[in-house]
Amino acid sequence: MNTYETMNEVLVKLFNDIMIIEEKAIITANFKNISNNDMHVIEAIGIDKAKNMTAVAKLLSVTVGTLTIAINNLVKKGYVDRVRSNQDRRVVLISLTKKGEEAYRHHEKFHYEMIEATLAGLSEEETKVLVHALTNLKDFFYKYKR
């Protein structure tokens, strides 16, 4: 198999498998009532400070209406708090509950372990080459995102 065929096989298989594998890894007994998509909403909200719905929707590349459906479910399940801004009552702010922060950290740990496994055994120069190649791939996909 030549380099093109190998890269094509690896990338296509990886993209097809990554969401399934990630879901199996992060949706555990403690977080069995949420989906992989829910976990990515939790990740977009983050643990720093409350965010408005528009900002989170933009991070996820979804409409505010689509995000509202996800947030409604996460509020019911106890992962997200939703409040109106004191400065502007039209603005809805969302933040993670303690349970949401636990899910966030669980997901973050999976990502950390994934990166560690990817870089295991690579030299500093190999790591730089891999980061450069993945940045090129990211840039390629972002052209289609617009």
Protein backbone atom coordinates (compact mmCIF):
# COMPACT_ATOMS: atom_id res chain seq x y z
CA MET A 1 0.00 0.00 0.00
CA ASN A 2 1.43 3.43 -0.90
CA THR A 3 1.46 6.48 1.38
CA TYR A 4 -1.73 7.98 -0.10
CA GLU A 5 -3.69 4.73 0.32
CA THR A 6 -2.40 4.24 3.87
CA MET A 7 -3.23 7.81 4.90
CA ASN A 8 -6.67 7.58 3.29
CA GLU A 9 -7.44 4.32 5.07
CA VAL A 10 -6.19 5.57 8.44
CA LEU A 11 -7.99 8.93 8.26
CA VAL A 12 -11.29 7.59 6.95
CA LYS A 13 -11.37 4.77 9.48
CA LEU A 14 -10.33 7.10 12.28
CA PHE A 15 -13.04 9.64 11.45
CA ASN A 16 -15.66 6.93 11.19
CA ASP A 17 -14.64 5.36 14.51
CA ILE A 18 -13.70 8.32 16.66
CA MET A 19 -17.19 9.36 17.77
CA ILE A 20 -18.19 5.78 18.56
CA ILE A 21 -14.97 5.14 20.48
CA GLU A 22 -15.18 8.44 22.34
CA GLU A 23 -18.78 7.78 23.33
CA LYS A 24 -17.90 4.34 24.71
CA ALA A 25 -15.00 5.85 26.66
CA ILE A 26 -16.77 8.85 28.16
CA ILE A 27 -20.36 7.69 28.63
CA THR A 28 -19.75 5.59 31.72
CA ALA A 29 -21.96 4.49 34.60
CA ASN A 30 -21.62 7.96 36.17
CA PHE A 31 -22.66 9.68 32.93
CA LYS A 32 -24.96 7.13 31.32
CA ASN A 33 -27.89 9.52 30.88
CA ILE A 34 -26.14 11.84 28.42
CA SER A 35 -24.97 11.45 24.86
CA ASN A 36 -21.67 12.23 23.19
CA ASN A 37 -23.36 15.31 21.73
CA ASP A 38 -24.40 16.38 25.25
CA MET A 39 -20.79 15.98 26.36
CA HIS A 40 -19.63 18.30 23.59
CA VAL A 41 -22.21 20.90 24.63
CA ILE A 42 -20.85 20.61 28.18
CA GLU A 43 -17.33 21.06 26.80
CA ALA A 44 -18.37 24.19 24.88
CA ILE A 45 -19.95 25.73 28.00
CA GLY A 46 -16.75 25.12 29.92
CA ILE A 47 -16.03 25.63 33.60
CA ASP A 48 -14.63 29.16 33.63
CA LYS A 49 -17.74 31.35 33.75
CA ALA A 50 -21.31 31.52 32.52
CA LYS A 51 -21.70 32.02 28.78
CA ASN A 52 -24.57 33.32 26.73
CA MET A 53 -26.45 30.98 24.43
CA THR A 54 -25.28 32.74 21.26
CA ALA A 55 -21.60 32.31 22.16
CA VAL A 56 -22.00 28.59 22.87
CA ALA A 57 -24.09 28.04 19.72
CA LYS A 58 -21.36 29.72 17.68
CA LEU A 59 -18.67 27.49 19.25
CA LEU A 60 -20.71 24.43 18.29
CA SER A 61 -21.70 25.76 14.84
CA VAL A 62 -25.40 25.29 15.59
CA THR A 63 -28.36 27.63 15.81
CA VAL A 64 -29.51 29.00 19.15
CA GLY A 65 -32.74 27.03 18.64
CA THR A 66 -30.84 23.77 18.26
CA LEU A 67 -28.74 24.58 21.32
CA THR A 68 -31.89 25.41 23.32
CA ILE A 69 -33.17 21.86 22.83
CA ALA A 70 -29.88 20.41 24.07
CA ILE A 71 -29.73 22.83 27.02
CA ASN A 72 -33.32 21.99 28.03
CA ASN A 73 -32.34 18.32 28.28
CA LEU A 74 -29.11 19.05 30.16
CA VAL A 75 -30.96 21.30 32.65
CA LYS A 76 -33.51 18.51 33.28
CA LYS A 77 -30.66 16.03 33.85
CA GLY A 78 -28.89 18.36 36.27
CA TYR A 79 -25.78 19.17 34.25
CA VAL A 80 -26.49 22.80 33.34
CA ASP A 81 -27.91 25.88 35.07
CA ARG A 82 -29.70 28.55 33.05
CA VAL A 83 -30.35 32.10 34.29
CA ARG A 84 -31.25 35.46 32.79
CA SER A 85 -28.58 38.16 32.82
CA ASN A 86 -29.04 40.90 35.41
CA GLN A 87 -27.77 43.47 32.91
CA ASP A 88 -30.04 42.43 30.04
CA ARG A 89 -33.00 40.15 30.81
CA ARG A 90 -33.15 39.07 27.16
CA VAL A 91 -29.78 37.34 27.51
CA VAL A 92 -29.77 33.76 28.81
CA LEU A 93 -26.58 32.67 30.57
CA ILE A 94 -25.67 29.01 30.93
CA SER A 95 -23.14 27.40 33.23
CA LEU A 96 -22.31 23.93 34.47
CA THR A 97 -23.58 22.53 37.74
CA LYS A 98 -21.25 20.50 39.94
CA LYS A 99 -22.44 17.39 38.06
CA GLY A 100 -21.75 19.17 34.77
CA GLU A 101 -18.24 20.09 35.90
CA GLU A 102 -17.60 16.45 36.79
CA ALA A 103 -18.70 15.42 33.29
CA TYR A 104 -16.49 18.16 31.80
CA ARG A 105 -13.44 16.92 33.70
CA HIS A 106 -14.19 13.31 32.75
CA HIS A 107 -14.31 14.29 29.06
CA GLU A 108 -11.17 16.41 29.43
CA LYS A 109 -9.36 13.40 30.94
CA PHE A 110 -10.28 11.28 27.92
CA HIS A 111 -8.88 13.94 25.58
CA TYR A 112 -5.70 14.20 27.65
CA GLU A 113 -5.20 10.42 27.52
CA MET A 114 -5.87 10.44 23.76
CA ILE A 115 -3.17 13.08 23.21
CA GLU A 116 -0.72 11.27 25.49
CA ALA A 117 -1.27 8.02 23.56
CA THR A 118 -0.81 9.83 20.24
CA LEU A 119 2.48 11.41 21.29
CA ALA A 120 3.86 8.37 23.12
CA GLY A 121 7.30 7.47 21.82
CA LEU A 122 7.57 10.44 19.47
CA SER A 123 10.63 12.64 19.54
CA GLU A 124 10.27 16.41 19.84
CA GLU A 125 10.90 16.74 16.09
CA GLU A 126 8.34 14.04 15.24
CA THR A 127 5.83 15.78 17.49
CA LYS A 128 6.39 19.07 15.64
CA VAL A 129 5.86 17.33 12.28
CA LEU A 130 2.67 15.65 13.51
CA VAL A 131 1.29 18.94 14.87
CA HIS A 132 2.11 20.62 11.55
CA ALA A 133 0.36 17.86 9.56
CA LEU A 134 -2.72 17.94 11.79
CA THR A 135 -2.86 21.73 11.56
CA ASN A 136 -2.84 21.39 7.76
CA LEU A 137 -5.71 18.90 8.02
CA LYS A 138 -7.66 21.22 10.33
CA ASP A 139 -7.15 24.11 7.91
CA PHE A 140 -8.39 21.92 5.03
CA PHE A 141 -11.60 21.09 6.93
CA TYR A 142 -12.18 24.70 8.00
CA LYS A 143 -12.32 25.70 4.32
CA TYR A 144 -15.44 23.51 4.02
CA LYS A 145 -16.92 24.78 7.28
CA ARG A 146 -17.45 28.32 5.97
